[in-house]
PDB file of all heavy atoms in Angstrom:
ATOM      1  N   ILE A   1     173.145  94.122  97.945  1.00  0.00           N
ATOM      2  CA  ILE A   1     174.191  93.120  97.758  1.00  0.00           C
ATOM      3  C   ILE A   1     174.798  92.760  99.104  1.00  0.00           C
ATOM      4  O   ILE A   1     175.290  93.635  99.824  1.00  0.00           O
ATOM      5  CB  ILE A   1     175.292  93.623  96.810  1.00  0.00           C
ATOM      6  CG1 ILE A   1     174.711  93.992  95.437  1.00  0.00           C
ATOM      7  CG2 ILE A   1     176.392  92.581  96.657  1.00  0.00           C
ATOM      8  CD1 ILE A   1     175.725  94.633  94.488  1.00  0.00           C
ATOM      9  N   GLY A   2     174.782  91.488  99.461  1.00  0.00           N
ATOM     10  CA  GLY A   2     175.464  91.024 100.664  1.00  0.00           C
ATOM     11  C   GLY A   2     174.772  91.406 101.950  1.00  0.00           C
ATOM     12  O   GLY A   2     173.685  91.999 101.965  1.00  0.00           O
ATOM     13  N   THR A   3     175.418  91.047 103.059  1.00  0.00           N
ATOM     14  CA  THR A   3     174.894  91.319 104.400  1.00  0.00           C
ATOM     15  C   THR A   3     175.870  92.207 105.154  1.00  0.00           C
ATOM     16  O   THR A   3     177.081  92.216 104.867  1.00  0.00           O
ATOM     17  CB  THR A   3     174.710  90.015 105.190  1.00  0.00           C
ATOM     18  OG1 THR A   3     176.002  89.423 105.423  1.00  0.00           O
ATOM     19  CG2 THR A   3     173.815  89.030 104.427  1.00  0.00           C
ATOM     20  N   PRO A   4     175.385  92.948 106.153  1.00  0.00           N
ATOM     21  CA  PRO A   4     176.309  93.776 106.949  1.00  0.00           C
ATOM     22  C   PRO A   4     177.453  92.980 107.559  1.00  0.00           C
ATOM     23  O   PRO A   4     178.605  93.440 107.564  1.00  0.00           O
ATOM     24  CB  PRO A   4     175.399  94.383 108.012  1.00  0.00           C
ATOM     25  CG  PRO A   4     174.054  94.442 107.358  1.00  0.00           C
ATOM     26  CD  PRO A   4     173.979  93.203 106.518  1.00  0.00           C
ATOM     27  N   ASP A   5     177.172  91.794 108.071  1.00  0.00           N
ATOM     28  CA  ASP A   5     178.237  90.996 108.681  1.00  0.00           C
ATOM     29  C   ASP A   5     179.312  90.632 107.663  1.00  0.00           C
ATOM     30  O   ASP A   5     180.520  90.690 107.967  1.00  0.00           O
ATOM     31  CB  ASP A   5     177.654  89.725 109.300  1.00  0.00           C
ATOM     32  CG  ASP A   5     176.882  89.988 110.582  1.00  0.00           C
ATOM     33  OD1 ASP A   5     176.998  91.112 111.119  1.00  0.00           O
ATOM     34  OD2 ASP A   5     176.156  89.090 111.033  1.00  0.00           O
ATOM     35  N   ALA A   6     178.888  90.230 106.462  1.00  0.00           N
ATOM     36  CA  ALA A   6     179.862  89.863 105.436  1.00  0.00           C
ATOM     37  C   ALA A   6     180.700  91.063 105.011  1.00  0.00           C
ATOM     38  O   ALA A   6     181.930  90.955 104.849  1.00  0.00           O
ATOM     39  CB  ALA A   6     179.148  89.257 104.230  1.00  0.00           C
ATOM     40  N   TRP A   7     180.064  92.213 104.836  1.00  0.00           N
ATOM     41  CA  TRP A   7     180.814  93.411 104.459  1.00  0.00           C
ATOM     42  C   TRP A   7     181.750  93.851 105.574  1.00  0.00           C
ATOM     43  O   TRP A   7     182.901  94.234 105.309  1.00  0.00           O
ATOM     44  CB  TRP A   7     179.867  94.545 104.084  1.00  0.00           C
ATOM     45  CG  TRP A   7     179.210  94.378 102.749  1.00  0.00           C
ATOM     46  CD1 TRP A   7     177.875  94.270 102.485  1.00  0.00           C
ATOM     47  CD2 TRP A   7     179.867  94.286 101.477  1.00  0.00           C
ATOM     48  NE1 TRP A   7     177.657  94.117 101.140  1.00  0.00           N
ATOM     49  CE2 TRP A   7     178.853  94.116 100.491  1.00  0.00           C
ATOM     50  CE3 TRP A   7     181.201  94.314 101.065  1.00  0.00           C
ATOM     51  CZ2 TRP A   7     179.153  94.000  99.132  1.00  0.00           C
ATOM     52  CZ3 TRP A   7     181.496  94.185  99.720  1.00  0.00           C
ATOM     53  CH2 TRP A   7     180.480  94.031  98.770  1.00  0.00           C
ATOM     54  N   ASN A   8     181.309  93.789 106.810  1.00  0.00           N
ATOM     55  CA  ASN A   8     182.178  94.195 107.920  1.00  0.00           C
ATOM     56  C   ASN A   8     183.400  93.293 108.018  1.00  0.00           C
ATOM     57  O   ASN A   8     184.513  93.767 108.290  1.00  0.00           O
ATOM     58  CB  ASN A   8     181.395  94.176 109.230  1.00  0.00           C
ATOM     59  CG  ASN A   8     180.416  95.328 109.333  1.00  0.00           C
ATOM     60  OD1 ASN A   8     180.605  96.377 108.705  1.00  0.00           O
ATOM     61  ND2 ASN A   8     179.359  95.156 110.110  1.00  0.00           N
ATOM     62  N   ALA A   9     183.210  91.998 107.789  1.00  0.00           N
ATOM     63  CA  ALA A   9     184.351  91.084 107.813  1.00  0.00           C
ATOM     64  C   ALA A   9     185.331  91.408 106.697  1.00  0.00           C
ATOM     65  O   ALA A   9     186.564  91.370 106.889  1.00  0.00           O
ATOM     66  CB  ALA A   9     183.855  89.640 107.694  1.00  0.00           C
ATOM     67  N   ARG A  10     184.813  91.746 105.522  1.00  0.00           N
ATOM     68  CA  ARG A  10     185.698  92.086 104.416  1.00  0.00           C
ATOM     69  C   ARG A  10     186.426  93.393 104.685  1.00  0.00           C
ATOM     70  O   ARG A  10     187.628  93.514 104.404  1.00  0.00           O
ATOM     71  CB  ARG A  10     184.922  92.176 103.097  1.00  0.00           C
ATOM     72  CG  ARG A  10     185.854  92.284 101.898  1.00  0.00           C
ATOM     73  CD  ARG A  10     185.137  92.481 100.571  1.00  0.00           C
ATOM     74  NE  ARG A  10     184.232  91.404 100.215  1.00  0.00           N
ATOM     75  CZ  ARG A  10     183.754  91.235  98.990  1.00  0.00           C
ATOM     76  NH1 ARG A  10     184.111  92.078  98.009  1.00  0.00           N
ATOM     77  NH2 ARG A  10     182.925  90.244  98.718  1.00  0.00           N
ATOM     78  N   ILE A  11     185.722  94.361 105.210  1.00  0.00           N
ATOM     79  CA  ILE A  11     186.349  95.651 105.546  1.00  0.00           C
ATOM     80  C   ILE A  11     187.489  95.439 106.540  1.00  0.00           C
ATOM     81  O   ILE A  11     188.598  95.972 106.363  1.00  0.00           O
ATOM     82  CB  ILE A  11     185.291  96.618 106.110  1.00  0.00           C
ATOM     83  CG1 ILE A  11     184.323  97.046 105.009  1.00  0.00           C
ATOM     84  CG2 ILE A  11     185.963  97.841 106.740  1.00  0.00           C
ATOM     85  CD1 ILE A  11     183.040  97.670 105.537  1.00  0.00           C
ATOM     86  N   ASP A  12     187.241  94.660 107.578  1.00  0.00           N
ATOM     87  CA  ASP A  12     188.283  94.405 108.587  1.00  0.00           C
ATOM     88  C   ASP A  12     189.491  93.721 107.967  1.00  0.00           C
ATOM     89  O   ASP A  12     190.644  94.071 108.267  1.00  0.00           O
ATOM     90  CB  ASP A  12     187.724  93.547 109.723  1.00  0.00           C
ATOM     91  CG  ASP A  12     186.723  94.289 110.594  1.00  0.00           C
ATOM     92  OD1 ASP A  12     186.688  95.537 110.523  1.00  0.00           O
ATOM     93  OD2 ASP A  12     185.982  93.621 111.342  1.00  0.00           O
ATOM     94  N   ALA A  13     189.245  92.736 107.087  1.00  0.00           N
ATOM     95  CA  ALA A  13     190.344  92.010 106.455  1.00  0.00           C
ATOM     96  C   ALA A  13     191.198  92.929 105.591  1.00  0.00           C
ATOM     97  O   ALA A  13     192.435  92.865 105.614  1.00  0.00           O
ATOM     98  CB  ALA A  13     189.797  90.850 105.629  1.00  0.00           C
ATOM     99  N   VAL A  14     190.542  93.800 104.827  1.00  0.00           N
ATOM    100  CA  VAL A  14     191.257  94.689 103.917  1.00  0.00           C
ATOM    101  C   VAL A  14     192.046  95.744 104.696  1.00  0.00           C
ATOM    102  O   VAL A  14     193.207  96.041 104.361  1.00  0.00           O
ATOM    103  CB  VAL A  14     190.267  95.347 102.933  1.00  0.00           C
ATOM    104  CG1 VAL A  14     190.899  96.519 102.214  1.00  0.00           C
ATOM    105  CG2 VAL A  14     189.778  94.316 101.926  1.00  0.00           C
ATOM    106  N   LEU A  15     191.446  96.322 105.719  1.00  0.00           N
ATOM    107  CA  LEU A  15     192.155  97.338 106.496  1.00  0.00           C
ATOM    108  C   LEU A  15     193.311  96.730 107.285  1.00  0.00           C
ATOM    109  O   LEU A  15     194.306  97.408 107.577  1.00  0.00           O
ATOM    110  CB  LEU A  15     191.180  98.044 107.447  1.00  0.00           C
ATOM    111  CG  LEU A  15     190.126  98.921 106.759  1.00  0.00           C
ATOM    112  CD1 LEU A  15     189.206  99.545 107.793  1.00  0.00           C
ATOM    113  CD2 LEU A  15     190.793 100.010 105.909  1.00  0.00           C
ATOM    114  N   ASP A  16     193.196  95.447 107.604  1.00  0.00           N
ATOM    115  CA  ASP A  16     194.260  94.773 108.354  1.00  0.00           C
ATOM    116  C   ASP A  16     195.378  94.293 107.439  1.00  0.00           C
ATOM    117  O   ASP A  16     196.561  94.438 107.766  1.00  0.00           O
ATOM    118  CB  ASP A  16     193.677  93.586 109.124  1.00  0.00           C
ATOM    119  CG  ASP A  16     194.728  92.890 109.983  1.00  0.00           C
ATOM    120  OD1 ASP A  16     195.356  93.579 110.813  1.00  0.00           O
ATOM    121  OD2 ASP A  16     194.929  91.671 109.819  1.00  0.00           O
ATOM    122  N   GLY A  17     195.017  93.701 106.270  1.00  0.00           N
ATOM    123  CA  GLY A  17     196.038  93.069 105.437  1.00  0.00           C
ATOM    124  C   GLY A  17     196.106  93.562 104.011  1.00  0.00           C
ATOM    125  O   GLY A  17     196.858  92.996 103.205  1.00  0.00           O
ATOM    126  N   GLY A  18     195.352  94.591 103.663  1.00  0.00           N
ATOM    127  CA  GLY A  18     195.332  95.083 102.289  1.00  0.00           C
ATOM    128  C   GLY A  18     194.427  94.241 101.408  1.00  0.00           C
ATOM    129  O   GLY A  18     193.987  93.150 101.791  1.00  0.00           O
ATOM    130  N   VAL A  19     194.159  94.741 100.210  1.00  0.00           N
ATOM    131  CA  VAL A  19     193.262  94.039  99.296  1.00  0.00           C
ATOM    132  C   VAL A  19     193.862  92.695  98.878  1.00  0.00           C
ATOM    133  O   VAL A  19     193.128  91.731  98.628  1.00  0.00           O
ATOM    134  CB  VAL A  19     192.940  94.916  98.069  1.00  0.00           C
ATOM    135  CG1 VAL A  19     192.040  94.176  97.082  1.00  0.00           C
ATOM    136  CG2 VAL A  19     192.262  96.225  98.506  1.00  0.00           C
ATOM    137  N   ALA A  20     195.195  92.600  98.833  1.00  0.00           N
ATOM    138  CA  ALA A  20     195.834  91.340  98.445  1.00  0.00           C
ATOM    139  C   ALA A  20     195.453  90.192  99.377  1.00  0.00           C
ATOM    140  O   ALA A  20     195.464  89.028  98.956  1.00  0.00           O
ATOM    141  CB  ALA A  20     197.348  91.507  98.419  1.00  0.00           C
ATOM    142  N   SER A  21     195.094  90.517 100.618  1.00  0.00           N
ATOM    143  CA  SER A  21     194.757  89.459 101.573  1.00  0.00           C
ATOM    144  C   SER A  21     193.475  88.723 101.189  1.00  0.00           C
ATOM    145  O   SER A  21     193.249  87.598 101.654  1.00  0.00           O
ATOM    146  CB  SER A  21     194.622  90.041 102.984  1.00  0.00           C
ATOM    147  OG  SER A  21     193.489  90.898 103.084  1.00  0.00           O
ATOM    148  N   ILE A  22     192.638  89.332 100.368  1.00  0.00           N
ATOM    149  CA  ILE A  22     191.399  88.683  99.932  1.00  0.00           C
ATOM    150  C   ILE A  22     191.402  88.424  98.429  1.00  0.00           C
ATOM    151  O   ILE A  22     190.399  87.997  97.867  1.00  0.00           O
ATOM    152  CB  ILE A  22     190.162  89.523 100.314  1.00  0.00           C
ATOM    153  CG1 ILE A  22     190.177  90.884  99.605  1.00  0.00           C
ATOM    154  CG2 ILE A  22     190.066  89.701 101.834  1.00  0.00           C
ATOM    155  CD1 ILE A  22     188.863  91.647  99.726  1.00  0.00           C
ATOM    156  N   GLY A  23     192.544  88.679  97.776  1.00  0.00           N
ATOM    157  CA  GLY A  23     192.603  88.606  96.323  1.00  0.00           C
ATOM    158  C   GLY A  23     192.216  87.255  95.763  1.00  0.00           C
ATOM    159  O   GLY A  23     191.439  87.164  94.806  1.00  0.00           O
ATOM    160  N   GLU A  24     192.734  86.189  96.323  1.00  0.00           N
ATOM    161  CA  GLU A  24     192.446  84.862  95.787  1.00  0.00           C
ATOM    162  C   GLU A  24     190.961  84.539  95.868  1.00  0.00           C
ATOM    163  O   GLU A  24     190.369  84.019  94.913  1.00  0.00           O
ATOM    164  CB  GLU A  24     193.253  83.808  96.549  1.00  0.00           C
ATOM    165  CG  GLU A  24     193.087  82.400  96.005  1.00  0.00           C
ATOM    166  CD  GLU A  24     194.003  81.395  96.671  1.00  0.00           C
ATOM    167  OE1 GLU A  24     194.874  81.808  97.465  1.00  0.00           O
ATOM    168  OE2 GLU A  24     193.852  80.187  96.388  1.00  0.00           O
ATOM    169  N   ALA A  25     190.346  84.859  97.007  1.00  0.00           N
ATOM    170  CA  ALA A  25     188.919  84.567  97.184  1.00  0.00           C
ATOM    171  C   ALA A  25     188.058  85.390  96.228  1.00  0.00           C
ATOM    172  O   ALA A  25     187.085  84.873  95.657  1.00  0.00           O
ATOM    173  CB  ALA A  25     188.510  84.836  98.632  1.00  0.00           C
ATOM    174  N   ILE A  26     188.410  86.646  96.041  1.00  0.00           N
ATOM    175  CA  ILE A  26     187.630  87.506  95.150  1.00  0.00           C
ATOM    176  C   ILE A  26     187.759  87.039  93.702  1.00  0.00           C
ATOM    177  O   ILE A  26     186.765  86.955  92.961  1.00  0.00           O
ATOM    178  CB  ILE A  26     188.072  88.971  95.277  1.00  0.00           C
ATOM    179  CG1 ILE A  26     187.773  89.498  96.683  1.00  0.00           C
ATOM    180  CG2 ILE A  26     187.384  89.841  94.224  1.00  0.00           C
ATOM    181  CD1 ILE A  26     186.325  89.466  97.082  1.00  0.00           C
ATOM    182  N   MET A  27     188.962  86.719  93.279  1.00  0.00           N
ATOM    183  CA  MET A  27     189.164  86.309  91.896  1.00  0.00           C
ATOM    184  C   MET A  27     188.413  85.024  91.572  1.00  0.00           C
ATOM    185  O   MET A  27     187.918  84.849  90.447  1.00  0.00           O
ATOM    186  CB  MET A  27     190.652  86.137  91.612  1.00  0.00           C
ATOM    187  CG  MET A  27     191.447  87.433  91.658  1.00  0.00           C
ATOM    188  SD  MET A  27     190.969  88.623  90.388  1.00  0.00           S
ATOM    189  CE  MET A  27     191.670  87.850  88.931  1.00  0.00           C
ATOM    190  N   ALA A  28     188.300  84.130  92.532  1.00  0.00           N
ATOM    191  CA  ALA A  28     187.553  82.891  92.311  1.00  0.00           C
ATOM    192  C   ALA A  28     186.077  83.164  92.079  1.00  0.00           C
ATOM    193  O   ALA A  28     185.386  82.388  91.408  1.00  0.00           O
ATOM    194  CB  ALA A  28     187.734  81.956  93.500  1.00  0.00           C
ATOM    195  N   ARG A  29     185.575  84.276  92.609  1.00  0.00           N
ATOM    196  CA  ARG A  29     184.170  84.627  92.440  1.00  0.00           C
ATOM    197  C   ARG A  29     183.949  85.498  91.206  1.00  0.00           C
ATOM    198  O   ARG A  29     182.831  85.574  90.703  1.00  0.00           O
ATOM    199  CB  ARG A  29     183.668  85.354  93.692  1.00  0.00           C
ATOM    200  CG  ARG A  29     183.750  84.517  94.948  1.00  0.00           C
ATOM    201  CD  ARG A  29     183.450  85.335  96.213  1.00  0.00           C
ATOM    202  NE  ARG A  29     182.063  85.752  96.261  1.00  0.00           N
ATOM    203  CZ  ARG A  29     181.068  85.004  96.696  1.00  0.00           C
ATOM    204  NH1 ARG A  29     181.297  83.766  97.098  1.00  0.00           N
ATOM    205  NH2 ARG A  29     179.841  85.473  96.735  1.00  0.00           N
ATOM    206  N   TRP A  30     184.997  86.147  90.743  1.00  0.00           N
ATOM    207  CA  TRP A  30     184.873  87.062  89.606  1.00  0.00           C
ATOM    208  C   TRP A  30     184.813  86.356  88.254  1.00  0.00           C
ATOM    209  O   TRP A  30     184.088  86.789  87.363  1.00  0.00           O
ATOM    210  CB  TRP A  30     186.077  88.007  89.582  1.00  0.00           C
ATOM    211  CG  TRP A  30     185.874  89.290  90.324  1.00  0.00           C
ATOM    212  CD1 TRP A  30     184.845  89.622  91.163  1.00  0.00           C
ATOM    213  CD2 TRP A  30     186.751  90.418  90.283  1.00  0.00           C
ATOM    214  NE1 TRP A  30     185.033  90.890  91.660  1.00  0.00           N
ATOM    215  CE2 TRP A  30     186.190  91.400  91.133  1.00  0.00           C
ATOM    216  CE3 TRP A  30     187.950  90.687  89.633  1.00  0.00           C
ATOM    217  CZ2 TRP A  30     186.787  92.650  91.336  1.00  0.00           C
ATOM    218  CZ3 TRP A  30     188.551  91.914  89.833  1.00  0.00           C
ATOM    219  CH2 TRP A  30     187.978  92.886  90.673  1.00  0.00           C
ATOM    220  N   PHE A  31     185.618  85.307  88.074  1.00  0.00           N
ATOM    221  CA  PHE A  31     185.817  84.746  86.739  1.00  0.00           C
ATOM    222  C   PHE A  31     185.334  83.310  86.658  1.00  0.00           C
ATOM    223  O   PHE A  31     185.418  82.546  87.624  1.00  0.00           O
ATOM    224  CB  PHE A  31     187.298  84.812  86.348  1.00  0.00           C
ATOM    225  CG  PHE A  31     187.790  86.206  86.085  1.00  0.00           C
ATOM    226  CD1 PHE A  31     188.482  86.911  87.057  1.00  0.00           C
ATOM    227  CD2 PHE A  31     187.545  86.816  84.864  1.00  0.00           C
ATOM    228  CE1 PHE A  31     188.939  88.204  86.819  1.00  0.00           C
ATOM    229  CE2 PHE A  31     187.997  88.113  84.616  1.00  0.00           C
ATOM    230  CZ  PHE A  31     188.684  88.807  85.598  1.00  0.00           C
TER     231      PHE A  31
END
């Protein structure tokens, strides 16, 4: 699933701003 670059970008975003920082983008892909 996914690419290393995409996962690394997500990891950096979450560690910097918490999961809420990517919440809107994730929810748009979930439902």
